[in-house]
């Protein structure tokens, strides 16, 4: 069991049978009365948020979670197949669990999969991925202005705003935290 003094960002706990992670917390010690901790949680399965206040000394139940390094193998219908890189076990993840992650995955991408009670509940892609441009309007020679962007469709279907000089077939580095273009990849 966790004590209120153990609360920190990223801590995973269970409320009402669902896993939550701490998003924000604030320890408050008023002039009168008992100290407390204001906490904001995010449900790891549904993504909804919950705010709770705990008095000092209250206990929190830890969530039975485990993170594993896995590799995305392929997509089969509405399921995504991942392989554990240490045991070679394969895991199927339903399409609705993929959220925004699906736009960053090509065959062979290394990801971190969060399991709750031995079931995959969250996929975290690497911070940067390299994706090829499959569609964009043609660029103009000498057009190197960095403040203007145009839409580009990547090989996974992800749409990204890119500078005007980017053309079809180029490989780009994309930040998965923001979904933004970082740079061209020199090959």
N, C-alpha and C. Protein backbone atom coordinates (compact mmCIF):
# COMPACT_ATOMS: atom_id res chain seq x y z
N UNK A 1 0.84 -1.19 0.00
CA UNK A 1 0.00 0.00 0.00
C UNK A 1 0.88 1.25 0.00
N UNK A 2 0.43 2.27 -0.73
CA UNK A 2 1.13 3.54 -0.75
C UNK A 2 0.53 4.46 0.30
N UNK A 3 1.35 5.30 0.89
CA UNK A 3 0.92 6.32 1.82
C UNK A 3 0.77 7.63 1.03
N UNK A 4 0.09 8.62 1.57
CA UNK A 4 -0.07 9.89 0.85
C UNK A 4 1.27 10.57 0.62
N UNK A 5 2.28 10.28 1.45
CA UNK A 5 3.60 10.88 1.25
C UNK A 5 4.32 10.26 0.05
N UNK A 6 3.84 9.12 -0.46
CA UNK A 6 4.43 8.45 -1.62
C UNK A 6 3.90 9.00 -2.95
N UNK A 7 2.87 9.85 -2.90
CA UNK A 7 2.25 10.34 -4.13
C UNK A 7 3.25 11.19 -4.91
N UNK A 8 3.43 10.83 -6.17
CA UNK A 8 4.28 11.60 -7.08
C UNK A 8 3.74 11.40 -8.50
N UNK A 9 4.15 12.26 -9.40
CA UNK A 9 3.70 12.19 -10.78
C UNK A 9 4.12 10.84 -11.39
N UNK A 10 3.16 10.17 -12.04
CA UNK A 10 3.44 8.89 -12.68
C UNK A 10 3.13 7.68 -11.82
N UNK A 11 2.80 7.88 -10.52
CA UNK A 11 2.47 6.76 -9.63
C UNK A 11 1.19 6.10 -10.13
N UNK A 12 1.17 4.77 -10.17
CA UNK A 12 0.00 4.03 -10.67
C UNK A 12 -0.72 3.37 -9.50
N UNK A 13 -2.02 3.68 -9.37
CA UNK A 13 -2.84 3.17 -8.27
C UNK A 13 -4.17 2.64 -8.82
N UNK A 14 -4.95 1.98 -7.94
CA UNK A 14 -6.26 1.43 -8.33
C UNK A 14 -7.36 2.09 -7.50
N UNK A 15 -8.42 2.55 -8.18
CA UNK A 15 -9.65 3.03 -7.55
C UNK A 15 -10.80 2.30 -8.21
N UNK A 16 -11.74 1.80 -7.44
CA UNK A 16 -12.94 1.15 -7.97
C UNK A 16 -12.62 0.13 -9.06
N UNK A 17 -11.53 -0.61 -8.90
CA UNK A 17 -11.16 -1.66 -9.84
C UNK A 17 -10.55 -1.20 -11.14
N UNK A 18 -10.23 0.10 -11.27
CA UNK A 18 -9.63 0.62 -12.51
C UNK A 18 -8.27 1.24 -12.20
N UNK A 19 -7.31 1.07 -13.13
CA UNK A 19 -5.97 1.64 -12.90
C UNK A 19 -5.92 3.12 -13.26
N UNK A 20 -5.26 3.90 -12.42
CA UNK A 20 -5.08 5.33 -12.64
C UNK A 20 -3.62 5.69 -12.46
N UNK A 21 -3.19 6.77 -13.09
CA UNK A 21 -1.85 7.30 -12.87
C UNK A 21 -1.97 8.75 -12.40
N UNK A 22 -1.05 9.18 -11.55
CA UNK A 22 -1.06 10.54 -11.02
C UNK A 22 -0.56 11.50 -12.10
N UNK A 23 -1.37 12.49 -12.43
CA UNK A 23 -1.01 13.51 -13.42
C UNK A 23 -0.46 14.75 -12.72
N UNK A 24 -1.14 15.18 -11.66
CA UNK A 24 -0.72 16.35 -10.88
C UNK A 24 -1.02 16.08 -9.41
N UNK A 25 -0.22 16.70 -8.55
CA UNK A 25 -0.52 16.62 -7.12
C UNK A 25 0.01 17.86 -6.44
N UNK A 26 -0.62 18.20 -5.32
CA UNK A 26 -0.21 19.37 -4.56
C UNK A 26 -0.40 19.07 -3.07
N UNK A 27 0.69 19.17 -2.32
CA UNK A 27 0.63 18.98 -0.87
C UNK A 27 0.24 20.30 -0.24
N UNK A 28 -0.79 20.29 0.62
CA UNK A 28 -1.28 21.52 1.25
C UNK A 28 -1.23 21.35 2.76
N UNK A 29 -0.59 22.30 3.44
CA UNK A 29 -0.54 22.30 4.90
C UNK A 29 -1.16 23.61 5.37
N UNK A 30 -2.44 23.55 5.68
CA UNK A 30 -3.11 24.79 6.12
C UNK A 30 -2.64 25.20 7.52
N UNK A 31 -2.90 26.43 7.87
CA UNK A 31 -2.53 26.93 9.19
C UNK A 31 -3.22 26.17 10.30
N UNK A 32 -4.48 25.82 10.07
CA UNK A 32 -5.25 25.05 11.04
C UNK A 32 -5.67 23.74 10.38
N UNK A 33 -5.77 22.72 11.16
CA UNK A 33 -6.26 21.45 10.63
C UNK A 33 -5.16 20.56 10.08
N UNK A 34 -5.61 19.44 9.53
CA UNK A 34 -4.70 18.41 9.05
C UNK A 34 -4.22 18.70 7.63
N UNK A 35 -2.97 18.34 7.33
CA UNK A 35 -2.43 18.51 5.98
C UNK A 35 -3.12 17.53 5.03
N UNK A 36 -3.18 17.89 3.74
CA UNK A 36 -3.81 17.01 2.75
C UNK A 36 -3.09 17.15 1.41
N UNK A 37 -3.39 16.23 0.52
CA UNK A 37 -2.80 16.23 -0.82
C UNK A 37 -3.92 16.25 -1.85
N UNK A 38 -3.95 17.29 -2.69
CA UNK A 38 -4.89 17.39 -3.81
C UNK A 38 -4.26 16.66 -4.99
N UNK A 39 -4.98 15.72 -5.58
CA UNK A 39 -4.40 14.89 -6.63
C UNK A 39 -5.33 14.78 -7.83
N UNK A 40 -4.72 14.83 -9.03
CA UNK A 40 -5.48 14.63 -10.27
C UNK A 40 -4.97 13.34 -10.91
N UNK A 41 -5.89 12.43 -11.20
CA UNK A 41 -5.57 11.13 -11.78
C UNK A 41 -6.11 11.00 -13.19
N UNK A 42 -5.45 10.16 -14.00
CA UNK A 42 -5.92 9.83 -15.35
C UNK A 42 -6.15 8.33 -15.40
N UNK A 43 -7.33 7.92 -15.86
CA UNK A 43 -7.65 6.51 -16.01
C UNK A 43 -6.81 5.95 -17.15
N UNK A 44 -6.05 4.89 -16.90
CA UNK A 44 -5.16 4.31 -17.91
C UNK A 44 -5.91 3.56 -19.01
N UNK A 45 -7.16 3.18 -18.76
CA UNK A 45 -7.93 2.45 -19.75
C UNK A 45 -8.79 3.39 -20.59
N UNK A 46 -9.55 4.28 -19.93
CA UNK A 46 -10.48 5.15 -20.65
C UNK A 46 -9.91 6.53 -20.97
N UNK A 47 -8.90 6.98 -20.22
CA UNK A 47 -8.33 8.30 -20.44
C UNK A 47 -9.03 9.41 -19.68
N UNK A 48 -10.12 9.09 -18.97
CA UNK A 48 -10.84 10.12 -18.22
C UNK A 48 -10.02 10.55 -17.00
N UNK A 49 -10.31 11.76 -16.50
CA UNK A 49 -9.57 12.27 -15.34
C UNK A 49 -10.47 12.29 -14.11
N UNK A 50 -9.81 12.25 -12.95
CA UNK A 50 -10.50 12.20 -11.68
C UNK A 50 -9.69 13.02 -10.69
N UNK A 51 -10.35 13.86 -9.88
CA UNK A 51 -9.65 14.63 -8.86
C UNK A 51 -10.08 14.13 -7.50
N UNK A 52 -9.08 13.94 -6.63
CA UNK A 52 -9.34 13.44 -5.29
C UNK A 52 -8.47 14.19 -4.30
N UNK A 53 -8.94 14.30 -3.06
CA UNK A 53 -8.17 14.91 -1.98
C UNK A 53 -7.96 13.85 -0.90
N UNK A 54 -6.73 13.70 -0.46
CA UNK A 54 -6.40 12.70 0.56
C UNK A 54 -5.84 13.39 1.80
N UNK A 55 -6.32 12.99 2.97
CA UNK A 55 -5.76 13.47 4.23
C UNK A 55 -4.45 12.74 4.46
N UNK A 56 -3.53 13.37 5.19
CA UNK A 56 -2.26 12.73 5.51
C UNK A 56 -2.51 11.41 6.23
N UNK A 57 -1.79 10.38 5.81
CA UNK A 57 -1.92 9.08 6.44
C UNK A 57 -2.85 8.12 5.73
N UNK A 58 -3.65 8.60 4.76
CA UNK A 58 -4.53 7.69 4.02
C UNK A 58 -3.69 6.77 3.14
N UNK A 59 -4.25 5.62 2.82
CA UNK A 59 -3.54 4.61 2.03
C UNK A 59 -4.14 4.50 0.63
N UNK A 60 -3.27 4.18 -0.34
CA UNK A 60 -3.67 3.98 -1.74
C UNK A 60 -3.21 2.60 -2.18
N UNK A 61 -4.05 1.91 -2.93
CA UNK A 61 -3.70 0.58 -3.41
C UNK A 61 -2.88 0.68 -4.70
N UNK A 62 -1.73 -0.01 -4.76
CA UNK A 62 -0.92 0.03 -5.99
C UNK A 62 -1.59 -0.74 -7.12
N UNK A 63 -1.42 -0.27 -8.34
CA UNK A 63 -1.96 -0.97 -9.51
C UNK A 63 -0.98 -2.05 -9.93
N UNK A 64 -1.51 -3.20 -10.32
CA UNK A 64 -0.69 -4.33 -10.77
C UNK A 64 -0.32 -4.09 -12.23
N UNK A 65 0.64 -3.16 -12.45
CA UNK A 65 1.03 -2.82 -13.82
C UNK A 65 2.46 -3.27 -14.08
N UNK A 66 2.73 -3.48 -15.37
CA UNK A 66 4.07 -3.88 -15.79
C UNK A 66 4.31 -3.29 -17.18
N UNK A 67 5.49 -2.73 -17.38
CA UNK A 67 5.87 -2.21 -18.69
C UNK A 67 6.82 -3.19 -19.35
N UNK A 68 6.57 -3.46 -20.65
CA UNK A 68 7.44 -4.37 -21.39
C UNK A 68 7.85 -3.72 -22.71
N UNK A 69 9.11 -3.94 -23.09
CA UNK A 69 9.59 -3.49 -24.39
C UNK A 69 9.12 -4.49 -25.42
N UNK A 70 8.42 -3.98 -26.45
CA UNK A 70 7.87 -4.85 -27.48
C UNK A 70 8.14 -4.25 -28.85
N UNK A 71 7.93 -5.07 -29.87
CA UNK A 71 8.13 -4.65 -31.26
C UNK A 71 6.81 -4.83 -32.00
N UNK A 72 6.40 -3.80 -32.75
CA UNK A 72 5.19 -3.92 -33.56
C UNK A 72 5.52 -4.78 -34.78
N UNK A 73 4.74 -5.85 -34.98
CA UNK A 73 4.99 -6.75 -36.10
C UNK A 73 4.13 -6.43 -37.31
N UNK A 74 2.79 -6.48 -37.13
CA UNK A 74 1.89 -6.22 -38.25
C UNK A 74 0.48 -6.00 -37.73
N UNK A 75 -0.38 -5.56 -38.65
CA UNK A 75 -1.79 -5.33 -38.32
C UNK A 75 -2.60 -6.42 -39.00
N UNK A 76 -3.55 -6.98 -38.26
CA UNK A 76 -4.40 -8.03 -38.79
C UNK A 76 -5.86 -7.67 -38.52
N UNK A 77 -6.53 -7.12 -39.52
CA UNK A 77 -7.91 -6.67 -39.33
C UNK A 77 -7.96 -5.52 -38.35
N UNK A 78 -8.73 -5.70 -37.25
CA UNK A 78 -8.82 -4.65 -36.23
C UNK A 78 -7.93 -4.94 -35.03
N UNK A 79 -6.91 -5.79 -35.24
CA UNK A 79 -5.97 -6.10 -34.17
C UNK A 79 -4.55 -5.77 -34.60
N UNK A 80 -3.73 -5.38 -33.63
CA UNK A 80 -2.33 -5.05 -33.85
C UNK A 80 -1.51 -6.10 -33.12
N UNK A 81 -0.50 -6.64 -33.78
CA UNK A 81 0.29 -7.72 -33.21
C UNK A 81 1.65 -7.18 -32.77
N UNK A 82 1.97 -7.41 -31.49
CA UNK A 82 3.24 -6.99 -30.90
C UNK A 82 3.98 -8.21 -30.38
N UNK A 83 5.32 -8.14 -30.40
CA UNK A 83 6.14 -9.24 -29.91
C UNK A 83 7.04 -8.74 -28.79
N UNK A 84 7.06 -9.47 -27.66
CA UNK A 84 7.95 -9.16 -26.56
C UNK A 84 9.38 -9.44 -27.02
N UNK A 85 10.27 -8.45 -26.92
CA UNK A 85 11.63 -8.60 -27.46
C UNK A 85 12.50 -9.53 -26.61
N UNK A 86 12.09 -9.84 -25.38
CA UNK A 86 12.91 -10.73 -24.56
C UNK A 86 12.40 -12.18 -24.58
N UNK A 87 11.07 -12.37 -24.62
CA UNK A 87 10.52 -13.73 -24.58
C UNK A 87 9.97 -14.20 -25.92
N UNK A 88 9.83 -13.29 -26.88
CA UNK A 88 9.26 -13.57 -28.20
C UNK A 88 7.78 -13.95 -28.17
N UNK A 89 7.10 -13.70 -27.05
CA UNK A 89 5.66 -13.92 -26.96
C UNK A 89 4.96 -12.85 -27.77
N UNK A 90 3.86 -13.23 -28.42
CA UNK A 90 3.09 -12.26 -29.20
C UNK A 90 1.83 -11.87 -28.45
N UNK A 91 1.47 -10.59 -28.57
CA UNK A 91 0.29 -10.04 -27.90
C UNK A 91 -0.56 -9.33 -28.94
N UNK A 92 -1.88 -9.54 -28.87
CA UNK A 92 -2.81 -8.85 -29.76
C UNK A 92 -3.43 -7.68 -29.02
N UNK A 93 -3.46 -6.52 -29.66
CA UNK A 93 -4.06 -5.32 -29.08
C UNK A 93 -5.18 -4.87 -30.00
N UNK A 94 -6.36 -4.60 -29.42
CA UNK A 94 -7.52 -4.17 -30.19
C UNK A 94 -7.32 -2.76 -30.73
N UNK A 95 -7.92 -2.48 -31.86
CA UNK A 95 -7.80 -1.19 -32.54
C UNK A 95 -8.21 -0.02 -31.65
N UNK A 96 -9.27 -0.19 -30.85
CA UNK A 96 -9.75 0.92 -30.02
C UNK A 96 -8.78 1.27 -28.89
N UNK A 97 -7.83 0.39 -28.56
CA UNK A 97 -6.84 0.68 -27.52
C UNK A 97 -5.64 1.47 -28.06
N UNK A 98 -5.56 1.65 -29.36
CA UNK A 98 -4.38 2.26 -29.97
C UNK A 98 -4.35 3.78 -29.89
N UNK A 99 -5.48 4.44 -29.71
CA UNK A 99 -5.54 5.90 -29.62
C UNK A 99 -4.78 6.56 -30.77
N UNK A 100 -3.93 7.55 -30.45
CA UNK A 100 -3.17 8.27 -31.46
C UNK A 100 -1.91 7.53 -31.89
N UNK A 101 -1.58 6.46 -31.20
CA UNK A 101 -0.34 5.73 -31.46
C UNK A 101 -0.30 5.12 -32.86
N UNK A 102 -1.44 4.76 -33.41
CA UNK A 102 -1.47 4.06 -34.70
C UNK A 102 -0.78 4.84 -35.82
N UNK A 103 -0.76 6.14 -35.76
CA UNK A 103 -0.14 6.95 -36.80
C UNK A 103 1.38 6.95 -36.77
N UNK A 104 1.97 6.38 -35.73
CA UNK A 104 3.43 6.38 -35.60
C UNK A 104 4.06 5.00 -35.79
N UNK A 105 3.24 3.97 -36.03
CA UNK A 105 3.77 2.62 -36.09
C UNK A 105 3.92 2.07 -37.50
N UNK A 106 5.13 1.67 -37.83
CA UNK A 106 5.42 0.91 -39.04
C UNK A 106 6.00 -0.42 -38.56
N UNK A 107 5.99 -1.42 -39.41
CA UNK A 107 6.50 -2.74 -39.03
C UNK A 107 7.90 -2.62 -38.44
N UNK A 108 8.12 -3.23 -37.28
CA UNK A 108 9.43 -3.23 -36.64
C UNK A 108 9.64 -2.13 -35.62
N UNK A 109 8.67 -1.24 -35.42
CA UNK A 109 8.83 -0.15 -34.46
C UNK A 109 8.89 -0.69 -33.03
N UNK A 110 9.88 -0.24 -32.26
CA UNK A 110 10.01 -0.62 -30.85
C UNK A 110 9.10 0.28 -30.02
N UNK A 111 8.27 -0.32 -29.16
CA UNK A 111 7.35 0.43 -28.31
C UNK A 111 7.43 -0.08 -26.88
N UNK A 112 6.81 0.65 -25.97
CA UNK A 112 6.65 0.19 -24.60
C UNK A 112 5.17 -0.08 -24.39
N UNK A 113 4.84 -1.28 -23.93
CA UNK A 113 3.45 -1.66 -23.70
C UNK A 113 3.23 -1.77 -22.20
N UNK A 114 2.17 -1.08 -21.71
CA UNK A 114 1.81 -1.13 -20.30
C UNK A 114 0.73 -2.20 -20.13
N UNK A 115 0.98 -3.14 -19.22
CA UNK A 115 0.03 -4.20 -18.93
C UNK A 115 -0.59 -3.96 -17.57
N UNK A 116 -1.91 -4.21 -17.46
CA UNK A 116 -2.62 -4.17 -16.19
C UNK A 116 -3.31 -5.51 -16.04
N UNK A 117 -2.99 -6.23 -14.98
CA UNK A 117 -3.50 -7.58 -14.75
C UNK A 117 -3.25 -8.47 -15.98
N UNK A 118 -2.05 -8.37 -16.52
CA UNK A 118 -1.57 -9.17 -17.66
C UNK A 118 -2.28 -8.86 -18.98
N UNK A 119 -3.03 -7.73 -19.04
CA UNK A 119 -3.69 -7.31 -20.28
C UNK A 119 -3.06 -6.02 -20.76
N UNK A 120 -2.76 -5.89 -22.06
CA UNK A 120 -2.20 -4.63 -22.56
C UNK A 120 -3.25 -3.52 -22.52
N UNK A 121 -2.87 -2.35 -21.95
CA UNK A 121 -3.84 -1.25 -21.87
C UNK A 121 -3.32 0.03 -22.49
N UNK A 122 -2.01 0.15 -22.71
CA UNK A 122 -1.47 1.40 -23.24
C UNK A 122 -0.20 1.13 -24.04
N UNK A 123 -0.10 1.74 -25.22
CA UNK A 123 1.06 1.60 -26.09
C UNK A 123 1.76 2.96 -26.13
N UNK A 124 3.07 2.98 -25.84
CA UNK A 124 3.85 4.21 -25.90
C UNK A 124 4.90 4.07 -26.99
N UNK A 125 4.79 4.87 -28.06
CA UNK A 125 5.77 4.78 -29.15
C UNK A 125 7.08 5.45 -28.74
N UNK A 126 8.15 5.25 -29.51
CA UNK A 126 9.40 5.97 -29.20
C UNK A 126 9.17 7.48 -29.34
N UNK A 127 10.04 8.29 -28.76
CA UNK A 127 9.87 9.74 -28.80
C UNK A 127 9.92 10.28 -30.21
N UNK A 128 10.79 9.73 -31.06
CA UNK A 128 10.88 10.16 -32.44
C UNK A 128 10.75 8.95 -33.36
N UNK A 129 10.01 9.12 -34.47
CA UNK A 129 9.90 8.07 -35.48
C UNK A 129 10.26 8.66 -36.84
N UNK A 130 10.69 7.80 -37.75
CA UNK A 130 11.01 8.22 -39.11
C UNK A 130 9.97 7.64 -40.04
N UNK A 131 9.25 8.53 -40.74
CA UNK A 131 8.17 8.12 -41.64
C UNK A 131 8.36 8.76 -43.01
N UNK A 132 7.96 8.01 -44.05
CA UNK A 132 8.07 8.52 -45.42
C UNK A 132 6.80 9.29 -45.80
N UNK A 133 6.98 10.33 -46.60
CA UNK A 133 5.86 11.14 -47.09
C UNK A 133 5.24 10.42 -48.29
N UNK A 134 3.92 10.17 -48.24
CA UNK A 134 3.24 9.52 -49.37
C UNK A 134 2.43 10.51 -50.20
N UNK A 135 2.06 11.64 -49.61
CA UNK A 135 1.31 12.64 -50.38
C UNK A 135 1.53 14.03 -49.80
N UNK A 136 1.81 14.98 -50.68
CA UNK A 136 1.87 16.39 -50.30
C UNK A 136 1.88 17.19 -51.60
N UNK A 137 1.53 18.44 -51.51
CA UNK A 137 1.59 19.31 -52.69
C UNK A 137 3.05 19.54 -53.04
N UNK A 138 3.38 19.73 -54.31
CA UNK A 138 4.78 19.94 -54.68
C UNK A 138 5.33 21.24 -54.10
N UNK A 139 6.63 21.21 -53.77
CA UNK A 139 7.29 22.39 -53.24
C UNK A 139 7.84 23.23 -54.37
N UNK A 140 8.26 24.45 -54.07
CA UNK A 140 8.82 25.35 -55.07
C UNK A 140 10.29 25.54 -54.76
N UNK A 141 11.11 25.59 -55.81
CA UNK A 141 12.54 25.76 -55.63
C UNK A 141 12.81 27.11 -54.96
N UNK A 142 13.65 27.09 -53.94
CA UNK A 142 13.99 28.33 -53.23
C UNK A 142 13.01 28.69 -52.14
N UNK A 143 11.91 27.93 -52.01
CA UNK A 143 10.90 28.22 -50.98
C UNK A 143 11.32 27.55 -49.68
N UNK A 144 12.07 28.25 -48.85
CA UNK A 144 12.60 27.67 -47.61
C UNK A 144 12.08 28.38 -46.37
N UNK A 145 11.00 29.11 -46.50
CA UNK A 145 10.44 29.81 -45.35
C UNK A 145 10.01 28.80 -44.30
N UNK A 146 10.39 29.02 -43.05
CA UNK A 146 10.07 28.05 -42.01
C UNK A 146 8.76 28.34 -41.28
N UNK A 147 8.17 29.52 -41.49
CA UNK A 147 6.95 29.85 -40.77
C UNK A 147 5.70 29.32 -41.46
N UNK A 148 5.79 28.97 -42.72
CA UNK A 148 4.64 28.47 -43.47
C UNK A 148 4.73 26.95 -43.54
N UNK A 149 3.60 26.28 -43.35
CA UNK A 149 3.59 24.82 -43.47
C UNK A 149 2.49 24.39 -44.43
N UNK A 150 2.65 23.18 -44.93
CA UNK A 150 1.63 22.57 -45.78
C UNK A 150 1.36 21.18 -45.23
N UNK A 151 0.17 20.62 -45.49
CA UNK A 151 -0.11 19.28 -44.98
C UNK A 151 0.62 18.20 -45.79
N UNK A 152 1.09 17.18 -45.08
CA UNK A 152 1.73 16.03 -45.73
C UNK A 152 1.17 14.77 -45.08
N UNK A 153 0.84 13.78 -45.91
CA UNK A 153 0.36 12.50 -45.41
C UNK A 153 1.53 11.53 -45.38
N UNK A 154 1.72 10.91 -44.22
CA UNK A 154 2.82 9.98 -44.03
C UNK A 154 2.38 8.56 -44.40
N UNK A 155 3.31 7.62 -44.46
CA UNK A 155 3.04 6.24 -44.86
C UNK A 155 2.04 5.53 -43.96
N UNK A 156 1.85 6.00 -42.73
CA UNK A 156 0.91 5.39 -41.80
C UNK A 156 -0.48 6.05 -41.85
N UNK A 157 -0.61 7.11 -42.66
CA UNK A 157 -1.87 7.84 -42.73
C UNK A 157 -1.89 9.07 -41.85
N UNK A 158 -0.86 9.26 -41.05
CA UNK A 158 -0.74 10.42 -40.17
C UNK A 158 -0.56 11.68 -41.02
N UNK A 159 -1.26 12.75 -40.64
CA UNK A 159 -1.10 14.02 -41.34
C UNK A 159 -0.28 14.97 -40.48
N UNK A 160 0.74 15.57 -41.09
CA UNK A 160 1.69 16.43 -40.38
C UNK A 160 1.88 17.71 -41.17
N UNK A 161 2.01 18.84 -40.47
CA UNK A 161 2.35 20.11 -41.11
C UNK A 161 3.85 20.15 -41.37
N UNK A 162 4.25 20.36 -42.63
CA UNK A 162 5.68 20.35 -42.99
C UNK A 162 6.03 21.63 -43.75
N UNK A 163 7.32 21.97 -43.80
CA UNK A 163 7.74 23.14 -44.59
C UNK A 163 7.46 22.92 -46.08
N UNK A 164 7.36 24.00 -46.85
CA UNK A 164 7.00 23.90 -48.28
C UNK A 164 8.00 23.13 -49.14
N UNK A 165 9.25 22.99 -48.73
CA UNK A 165 10.25 22.32 -49.57
C UNK A 165 10.22 20.79 -49.46
N UNK A 166 9.38 20.23 -48.62
CA UNK A 166 9.27 18.77 -48.47
C UNK A 166 8.49 18.19 -49.65
N UNK A 167 8.99 17.07 -50.19
CA UNK A 167 8.36 16.42 -51.34
C UNK A 167 8.01 14.97 -51.02
N UNK A 168 7.20 14.37 -51.90
CA UNK A 168 6.81 12.96 -51.77
C UNK A 168 8.06 12.08 -51.82
N UNK A 169 8.07 11.05 -50.95
CA UNK A 169 9.18 10.11 -50.92
C UNK A 169 10.25 10.44 -49.90
N UNK A 170 10.26 11.66 -49.38
CA UNK A 170 11.27 12.01 -48.38
C UNK A 170 10.90 11.38 -47.04
N UNK A 171 11.91 11.06 -46.25
CA UNK A 171 11.71 10.49 -44.92
C UNK A 171 11.91 11.60 -43.90
N UNK A 172 10.92 11.73 -42.99
CA UNK A 172 10.94 12.80 -42.00
C UNK A 172 10.98 12.24 -40.59
N UNK A 173 11.60 13.00 -39.70
CA UNK A 173 11.63 12.66 -38.28
C UNK A 173 10.45 13.39 -37.63
N UNK A 174 9.58 12.63 -36.94
CA UNK A 174 8.37 13.17 -36.33
C UNK A 174 8.45 12.96 -34.81
N UNK A 175 8.09 14.00 -34.05
CA UNK A 175 8.04 13.91 -32.59
C UNK A 175 6.68 13.33 -32.20
N UNK A 176 6.67 12.15 -31.55
CA UNK A 176 5.41 11.48 -31.22
C UNK A 176 4.68 12.14 -30.05
N UNK A 177 5.36 12.96 -29.27
CA UNK A 177 4.70 13.64 -28.15
C UNK A 177 3.81 14.76 -28.65
N UNK A 178 4.24 15.45 -29.72
CA UNK A 178 3.49 16.60 -30.24
C UNK A 178 2.87 16.33 -31.60
N UNK A 179 3.36 15.32 -32.32
CA UNK A 179 2.86 15.02 -33.66
C UNK A 179 3.39 16.01 -34.70
N UNK A 180 4.53 16.66 -34.41
CA UNK A 180 5.06 17.67 -35.30
C UNK A 180 6.32 17.23 -36.01
N UNK A 181 6.53 17.81 -37.19
CA UNK A 181 7.73 17.60 -38.00
C UNK A 181 8.94 18.13 -37.25
N UNK A 182 10.05 17.37 -37.25
CA UNK A 182 11.28 17.82 -36.60
C UNK A 182 12.33 18.17 -37.66
N UNK A 183 12.63 17.20 -38.57
CA UNK A 183 13.62 17.42 -39.60
C UNK A 183 13.54 16.35 -40.67
N UNK A 184 14.24 16.60 -41.80
CA UNK A 184 14.38 15.59 -42.84
C UNK A 184 15.45 14.61 -42.41
N UNK A 185 15.30 13.37 -42.78
CA UNK A 185 16.31 12.35 -42.46
C UNK A 185 17.18 12.18 -43.70
N UNK A 186 18.47 12.35 -43.51
CA UNK A 186 19.42 12.19 -44.60
C UNK A 186 19.71 10.70 -44.76
N UNK A 187 19.54 10.20 -45.95
CA UNK A 187 19.79 8.76 -46.20
C UNK A 187 20.91 8.59 -47.19
